[in-house]
PDB file of N, CA and C in Angstrom:
ATOM      1  N   MET A   1     144.579 136.302 -27.482  1.00  0.00           N
ATOM      2  CA  MET A   1     144.122 135.573 -28.648  1.00  0.00           C
ATOM      3  C   MET A   1     142.605 135.474 -28.605  1.00  0.00           C
ATOM      4  N   GLY A   2     141.945 135.766 -29.731  1.00  0.00           N
ATOM      5  CA  GLY A   2     140.489 135.784 -29.808  1.00  0.00           C
ATOM      6  C   GLY A   2     139.897 134.399 -29.986  1.00  0.00           C
ATOM      7  N   LYS A   3     138.621 134.322 -29.719  1.00  0.00           N
ATOM      8  CA  LYS A   3     137.861 133.081 -29.879  1.00  0.00           C
ATOM      9  C   LYS A   3     137.595 132.829 -31.359  1.00  0.00           C
ATOM     10  N   LYS A   4     137.680 131.590 -31.771  1.00  0.00           N
ATOM     11  CA  LYS A   4     137.353 131.219 -33.160  1.00  0.00           C
ATOM     12  C   LYS A   4     135.840 131.252 -33.343  1.00  0.00           C
ATOM     13  N   LEU A   5     135.408 131.734 -34.489  1.00  0.00           N
ATOM     14  CA  LEU A   5     133.978 131.780 -34.792  1.00  0.00           C
ATOM     15  C   LEU A   5     133.472 130.414 -35.216  1.00  0.00           C
ATOM     16  N   THR A   6     132.268 130.107 -34.806  1.00  0.00           N
ATOM     17  CA  THR A   6     131.616 128.897 -35.311  1.00  0.00           C
ATOM     18  C   THR A   6     131.013 129.223 -36.671  1.00  0.00           C
ATOM     19  N   VAL A   7     130.640 128.199 -37.407  1.00  0.00           N
ATOM     20  CA  VAL A   7     130.007 128.389 -38.709  1.00  0.00           C
ATOM     21  C   VAL A   7     128.709 129.175 -38.538  1.00  0.00           C
ATOM     22  N   ARG A   8     127.966 128.863 -37.493  1.00  0.00           N
ATOM     23  CA  ARG A   8     126.694 129.558 -37.237  1.00  0.00           C
ATOM     24  C   ARG A   8     126.930 131.041 -36.955  1.00  0.00           C
ATOM     25  N   GLU A   9     127.942 131.354 -36.141  1.00  0.00           N
ATOM     26  CA  GLU A   9     128.261 132.750 -35.843  1.00  0.00           C
ATOM     27  C   GLU A   9     128.710 133.486 -37.111  1.00  0.00           C
ATOM     28  N   PHE A  10     129.550 132.833 -37.904  1.00  0.00           N
ATOM     29  CA  PHE A  10     130.026 133.435 -39.140  1.00  0.00           C
ATOM     30  C   PHE A  10     128.864 133.728 -40.089  1.00  0.00           C
ATOM     31  N   ASN A  11     127.949 132.762 -40.227  1.00  0.00           N
ATOM     32  CA  ASN A  11     126.794 132.959 -41.105  1.00  0.00           C
ATOM     33  C   ASN A  11     125.898 134.085 -40.593  1.00  0.00           C
ATOM     34  N   GLY A  12     125.764 134.198 -39.272  1.00  0.00           N
ATOM     35  CA  GLY A  12     124.983 135.286 -38.703  1.00  0.00           C
ATOM     36  C   GLY A  12     125.597 136.637 -38.999  1.00  0.00           C
ATOM     37  N   ILE A  13     126.910 136.731 -38.882  1.00  0.00           N
ATOM     38  CA  ILE A  13     127.609 137.986 -39.177  1.00  0.00           C
ATOM     39  C   ILE A  13     127.516 138.304 -40.657  1.00  0.00           C
ATOM     40  N   LYS A  14     127.628 137.275 -41.482  1.00  0.00           N
ATOM     41  CA  LYS A  14     127.513 137.459 -42.931  1.00  0.00           C
ATOM     42  C   LYS A  14     126.141 138.033 -43.293  1.00  0.00           C
ATOM     43  N   LYS A  15     125.089 137.506 -42.672  1.00  0.00           N
ATOM     44  CA  LYS A  15     123.738 138.021 -42.921  1.00  0.00           C
ATOM     45  C   LYS A  15     123.613 139.462 -42.446  1.00  0.00           C
ATOM     46  N   LEU A  16     124.203 139.758 -41.296  1.00  0.00           N
ATOM     47  CA  LEU A  16     124.159 141.114 -40.765  1.00  0.00           C
ATOM     48  C   LEU A  16     124.832 142.101 -41.711  1.00  0.00           C
ATOM     49  N   VAL A  17     125.968 141.727 -42.260  1.00  0.00           N
ATOM     50  CA  VAL A  17     126.676 142.596 -43.202  1.00  0.00           C
ATOM     51  C   VAL A  17     125.846 142.797 -44.473  1.00  0.00           C
ATOM     52  N   LEU A  18     125.173 141.752 -44.935  1.00  0.00           N
ATOM     53  CA  LEU A  18     124.312 141.892 -46.115  1.00  0.00           C
ATOM     54  C   LEU A  18     123.161 142.857 -45.846  1.00  0.00           C
ATOM     55  N   VAL A  19     122.576 142.760 -44.663  1.00  0.00           N
ATOM     56  CA  VAL A  19     121.496 143.675 -44.300  1.00  0.00           C
ATOM     57  C   VAL A  19     122.023 145.101 -44.212  1.00  0.00           C
ATOM     58  N   GLN A  20     123.203 145.269 -43.630  1.00  0.00           N
ATOM     59  CA  GLN A  20     123.800 146.604 -43.535  1.00  0.00           C
ATOM     60  C   GLN A  20     124.075 147.175 -44.920  1.00  0.00           C
ATOM     61  N   ASN A  21     124.562 146.352 -45.828  1.00  0.00           N
ATOM     62  CA  ASN A  21     124.798 146.813 -47.201  1.00  0.00           C
ATOM     63  C   ASN A  21     123.489 147.280 -47.842  1.00  0.00           C
ATOM     64  N   ASN A  22     122.431 146.543 -47.603  1.00  0.00           N
ATOM     65  CA  ASN A  22     121.120 146.911 -48.140  1.00  0.00           C
ATOM     66  C   ASN A  22     120.646 148.236 -47.539  1.00  0.00           C
ATOM     67  N   LEU A  23     120.803 148.398 -46.232  1.00  0.00           N
ATOM     68  CA  LEU A  23     120.419 149.654 -45.583  1.00  0.00           C
ATOM     69  C   LEU A  23     121.211 150.829 -46.134  1.00  0.00           C
ATOM     70  N   ILE A  24     122.501 150.644 -46.276  1.00  0.00           N
ATOM     71  CA  ILE A  24     123.360 151.711 -46.802  1.00  0.00           C
ATOM     72  C   ILE A  24     122.891 152.114 -48.193  1.00  0.00           C
ATOM     73  N   TYR A  25     122.645 151.134 -49.036  1.00  0.00           N
ATOM     74  CA  TYR A  25     122.176 151.420 -50.397  1.00  0.00           C
ATOM     75  C   TYR A  25     120.865 152.197 -50.371  1.00  0.00           C
ATOM     76  N   ARG A  26     119.910 151.713 -49.572  1.00  0.00           N
ATOM     77  CA  ARG A  26     118.597 152.363 -49.514  1.00  0.00           C
ATOM     78  C   ARG A  26     118.685 153.773 -48.943  1.00  0.00           C
ATOM     79  N   PHE A  27     119.463 153.962 -47.888  1.00  0.00           N
ATOM     80  CA  PHE A  27     119.601 155.293 -47.303  1.00  0.00           C
ATOM     81  C   PHE A  27     120.230 156.259 -48.303  1.00  0.00           C
ATOM     82  N   GLU A  28     121.222 155.784 -49.065  1.00  0.00           N
ATOM     83  CA  GLU A  28     121.839 156.637 -50.088  1.00  0.00           C
ATOM     84  C   GLU A  28     120.816 157.011 -51.160  1.00  0.00           C
ATOM     85  N   GLU A  29     120.040 156.025 -51.604  1.00  0.00           N
ATOM     86  CA  GLU A  29     119.028 156.289 -52.632  1.00  0.00           C
ATOM     87  C   GLU A  29     117.954 157.246 -52.119  1.00  0.00           C
ATOM     88  N   TYR A  30     117.480 157.027 -50.898  1.00  0.00           N
ATOM     89  CA  TYR A  30     116.442 157.887 -50.338  1.00  0.00           C
ATOM     90  C   TYR A  30     116.956 159.309 -50.143  1.00  0.00           C
ATOM     91  N   SER A  31     118.220 159.451 -49.754  1.00  0.00           N
ATOM     92  CA  SER A  31     118.758 160.803 -49.564  1.00  0.00           C
ATOM     93  C   SER A  31     118.866 161.541 -50.903  1.00  0.00           C
ATOM     94  N   LYS A  32     119.115 160.807 -51.986  1.00  0.00           N
ATOM     95  CA  LYS A  32     119.158 161.435 -53.315  1.00  0.00           C
ATOM     96  C   LYS A  32     117.772 161.851 -53.783  1.00  0.00           C
ATOM     97  N   GLN A  33     116.758 161.080 -53.395  1.00  0.00           N
ATOM     98  CA  GLN A  33     115.398 161.340 -53.852  1.00  0.00           C
ATOM     99  C   GLN A  33     114.668 162.372 -52.993  1.00  0.00           C
ATOM    100  N   ALA A  34     115.121 162.555 -51.779  1.00  0.00           N
ATOM    101  CA  ALA A  34     114.414 163.459 -50.863  1.00  0.00           C
ATOM    102  C   ALA A  34     114.507 164.899 -51.365  1.00  0.00           C
ATOM    103  N   THR A  35     113.386 165.578 -51.343  1.00  0.00           N
ATOM    104  CA  THR A  35     113.367 166.978 -51.778  1.00  0.00           C
ATOM    105  C   THR A  35     113.461 167.927 -50.586  1.00  0.00           C
ATOM    106  N   GLU A  36     113.062 167.461 -49.432  1.00  0.00           N
ATOM    107  CA  GLU A  36     113.122 168.285 -48.230  1.00  0.00           C
ATOM    108  C   GLU A  36     114.525 168.173 -47.608  1.00  0.00           C
ATOM    109  N   PRO A  37     115.198 169.296 -47.374  1.00  0.00           N
ATOM    110  CA  PRO A  37     116.572 169.261 -46.853  1.00  0.00           C
ATOM    111  C   PRO A  37     116.724 168.504 -45.530  1.00  0.00           C
ATOM    112  N   GLN A  38     115.759 168.658 -44.633  1.00  0.00           N
ATOM    113  CA  GLN A  38     115.863 167.962 -43.350  1.00  0.00           C
ATOM    114  C   GLN A  38     115.767 166.453 -43.525  1.00  0.00           C
ATOM    115  N   LEU A  39     114.910 166.023 -44.411  1.00  0.00           N
ATOM    116  CA  LEU A  39     114.760 164.596 -44.682  1.00  0.00           C
ATOM    117  C   LEU A  39     116.015 164.040 -45.352  1.00  0.00           C
ATOM    118  N   ARG A  40     116.561 164.795 -46.288  1.00  0.00           N
ATOM    119  CA  ARG A  40     117.792 164.378 -46.966  1.00  0.00           C
ATOM    120  C   ARG A  40     118.921 164.225 -45.950  1.00  0.00           C
ATOM    121  N   GLU A  41     119.032 165.200 -45.058  1.00  0.00           N
ATOM    122  CA  GLU A  41     120.077 165.162 -44.033  1.00  0.00           C
ATOM    123  C   GLU A  41     119.886 163.969 -43.092  1.00  0.00           C
ATOM    124  N   ALA A  42     118.638 163.680 -42.747  1.00  0.00           N
ATOM    125  CA  ALA A  42     118.356 162.544 -41.861  1.00  0.00           C
ATOM    126  C   ALA A  42     118.791 161.231 -42.512  1.00  0.00           C
ATOM    127  N   PHE A  43     118.492 161.057 -43.800  1.00  0.00           N
ATOM    128  CA  PHE A  43     118.910 159.840 -44.495  1.00  0.00           C
ATOM    129  C   PHE A  43     120.427 159.764 -44.620  1.00  0.00           C
ATOM    130  N   GLN A  44     121.085 160.892 -44.830  1.00  0.00           N
ATOM    131  CA  GLN A  44     122.539 160.902 -44.907  1.00  0.00           C
ATOM    132  C   GLN A  44     123.157 160.507 -43.568  1.00  0.00           C
ATOM    133  N   LYS A  45     122.553 160.959 -42.479  1.00  0.00           N
ATOM    134  CA  LYS A  45     123.048 160.585 -41.143  1.00  0.00           C
ATOM    135  C   LYS A  45     122.839 159.094 -40.888  1.00  0.00           C
ATOM    136  N   LEU A  46     121.678 158.584 -41.282  1.00  0.00           N
ATOM    137  CA  LEU A  46     121.419 157.154 -41.120  1.00  0.00           C
ATOM    138  C   LEU A  46     122.405 156.327 -41.942  1.00  0.00           C
ATOM    139  N   CYS A  47     122.705 156.793 -43.134  1.00  0.00           N
ATOM    140  CA  CYS A  47     123.666 156.100 -43.995  1.00  0.00           C
ATOM    141  C   CYS A  47     125.057 156.089 -43.358  1.00  0.00           C
ATOM    142  N   ALA A  48     125.477 157.230 -42.848  1.00  0.00           N
ATOM    143  CA  ALA A  48     126.789 157.319 -42.204  1.00  0.00           C
ATOM    144  C   ALA A  48     126.856 156.407 -40.981  1.00  0.00           C
ATOM    145  N   SER A  49     125.792 156.367 -40.218  1.00  0.00           N
ATOM    146  CA  SER A  49     125.746 155.508 -39.040  1.00  0.00           C
ATOM    147  C   SER A  49     125.844 154.035 -39.432  1.00  0.00           C
ATOM    148  N   ALA A  50     125.109 153.631 -40.461  1.00  0.00           N
ATOM    149  CA  ALA A  50     125.150 152.240 -40.924  1.00  0.00           C
ATOM    150  C   ALA A  50     126.550 151.879 -41.424  1.00  0.00           C
ATOM    151  N   LYS A  51     127.193 152.803 -42.128  1.00  0.00           N
ATOM    152  CA  LYS A  51     128.567 152.551 -42.616  1.00  0.00           C
ATOM    153  C   LYS A  51     129.532 152.402 -41.445  1.00  0.00           C
ATOM    154  N   ASN A  52     129.392 153.253 -40.431  1.00  0.00           N
ATOM    155  CA  ASN A  52     130.272 153.171 -39.263  1.00  0.00           C
ATOM    156  C   ASN A  52     130.100 151.852 -38.521  1.00  0.00           C
ATOM    157  N   HIS A  53     128.861 151.423 -38.349  1.00  0.00           N
ATOM    158  CA  HIS A  53     128.608 150.156 -37.662  1.00  0.00           C
ATOM    159  C   HIS A  53     129.195 148.985 -38.446  1.00  0.00           C
ATOM    160  N   LYS A  54     129.051 149.029 -39.747  1.00  0.00           N
ATOM    161  CA  LYS A  54     129.596 147.954 -40.578  1.00  0.00           C
ATOM    162  C   LYS A  54     131.124 147.921 -40.476  1.00  0.00           C
ATOM    163  N   GLN A  55     131.767 149.093 -40.524  1.00  0.00           N
ATOM    164  CA  GLN A  55     133.222 149.159 -40.410  1.00  0.00           C
ATOM    165  C   GLN A  55     133.693 148.621 -39.062  1.00  0.00           C
ATOM    166  N   LYS A  56     132.988 148.984 -37.993  1.00  0.00           N
ATOM    167  CA  LYS A  56     133.367 148.507 -36.655  1.00  0.00           C
ATOM    168  C   LYS A  56     133.226 146.994 -36.560  1.00  0.00           C
ATOM    169  N   LEU A  57     132.166 146.451 -37.125  1.00  0.00           N
ATOM    170  CA  LEU A  57     131.973 145.008 -37.109  1.00  0.00           C
ATOM    171  C   LEU A  57     133.088 144.303 -37.867  1.00  0.00           C
ATOM    172  N   LEU A  58     133.393 144.787 -39.053  1.00  0.00           N
ATOM    173  CA  LEU A  58     134.447 144.157 -39.855  1.00  0.00           C
ATOM    174  C   LEU A  58     135.812 144.305 -39.189  1.00  0.00           C
ATOM    175  N   LYS A  59     136.054 145.440 -38.555  1.00  0.00           N
ATOM    176  CA  LYS A  59     137.319 145.651 -37.848  1.00  0.00           C
ATOM    177  C   LYS A  59     137.431 144.700 -36.655  1.00  0.00           C
ATOM    178  N   ALA A  60     136.338 144.491 -35.940  1.00  0.00           N
ATOM    179  CA  ALA A  60     136.334 143.568 -34.805  1.00  0.00           C
ATOM    180  C   ALA A  60     136.632 142.154 -35.268  1.00  0.00           C
ATOM    181  N   LEU A  61     136.126 141.794 -36.431  1.00  0.00           N
ATOM    182  CA  LEU A  61     136.408 140.465 -36.969  1.00  0.00           C
ATOM    183  C   LEU A  61     137.880 140.319 -37.327  1.00  0.00           C
ATOM    184  N   GLU A  62     138.479 141.362 -37.867  1.00  0.00           N
ATOM    185  CA  GLU A  62     139.900 141.331 -38.209  1.00  0.00           C
ATOM    186  C   GLU A  62     140.751 141.152 -36.965  1.00  0.00           C
ATOM    187  N   VAL A  63     140.427 141.875 -35.914  1.00  0.00           N
ATOM    188  CA  VAL A  63     141.191 141.822 -34.673  1.00  0.00           C
ATOM    189  C   VAL A  63     141.057 140.450 -34.028  1.00  0.00           C
ATOM    190  N   SER A  64     139.848 139.892 -34.030  1.00  0.00           N
ATOM    191  CA  SER A  64     139.647 138.582 -33.405  1.00  0.00           C
ATOM    192  C   SER A  64     140.279 137.456 -34.213  1.00  0.00           C
ATOM    193  N   ASP A  65     140.562 137.715 -35.483  1.00  0.00           N
ATOM    194  CA  ASP A  65     141.168 136.698 -36.351  1.00  0.00           C
ATOM    195  C   ASP A  65     142.654 136.568 -36.099  1.00  0.00           C
ATOM    196  N   GLU A  66     143.280 137.609 -35.581  1.00  0.00           N
ATOM    197  CA  GLU A  66     144.745 137.596 -35.388  1.00  0.00           C
ATOM    198  C   GLU A  66     145.147 136.781 -34.195  1.00  0.00           C
TER     199      GLU A  66
END
């Protein structure tokens, strides 16, 4: 059985998810605007990484909630 989150911990995670959403949005926008293929690919990789981290965080929260 997982530990219950405090309000402070929950708010911290909530802020982290908001920042990740912002990063994902910006990386997607920058990859669309980039004209150089290497730069576009770099932003796409950063976007994928940010999405993966966000999914892992949310999945960890689901598991600890059970």
